[in-house]
Amino acid sequence: MANTNDRDNEGKRPMTVQEAGHLGGEKGGHKGGETVARKYGHEHFEEIGQKGGEKVAEKYGHEHFEEIGHKGGEKVSEKYGHEHFEEIGHKGGQKVRDLIDKGKQSESR
């Protein structure tokens, strides 16, 4: 492993693994992701995401997802308060009402 005090021909020290990782995330990682996306397509990412989710479910079980969902809900509640949930519940109810009305209109035609 190179000593961080070692210098190259231009007097620069080699990057640490952490520095290279940050640089890759800022520059090369994005372009690499675009290249993979073009090569394999959207379905590739859906498939590997599905496989990953299945492995997590096998390893941790249903209770794991319940627990993280509960924790996430608590955080949202702390951040936005009771009114936030009332507002999104009202919006959801309006959407359902609109969909029911739309369905009734299409039946009567």
Foldseek 3Di string as FASTA:
>chain_A
DDDQCDADPVRHGDDDPVRVVVVCVVPVVVVVVVVVCVVPHPVVVVVVVVVVVVVCCVVPNPVVVVVVVVVVVVVCCVVPNPVVVVVVVVVVVVVVVVVVVVVVVVVVD
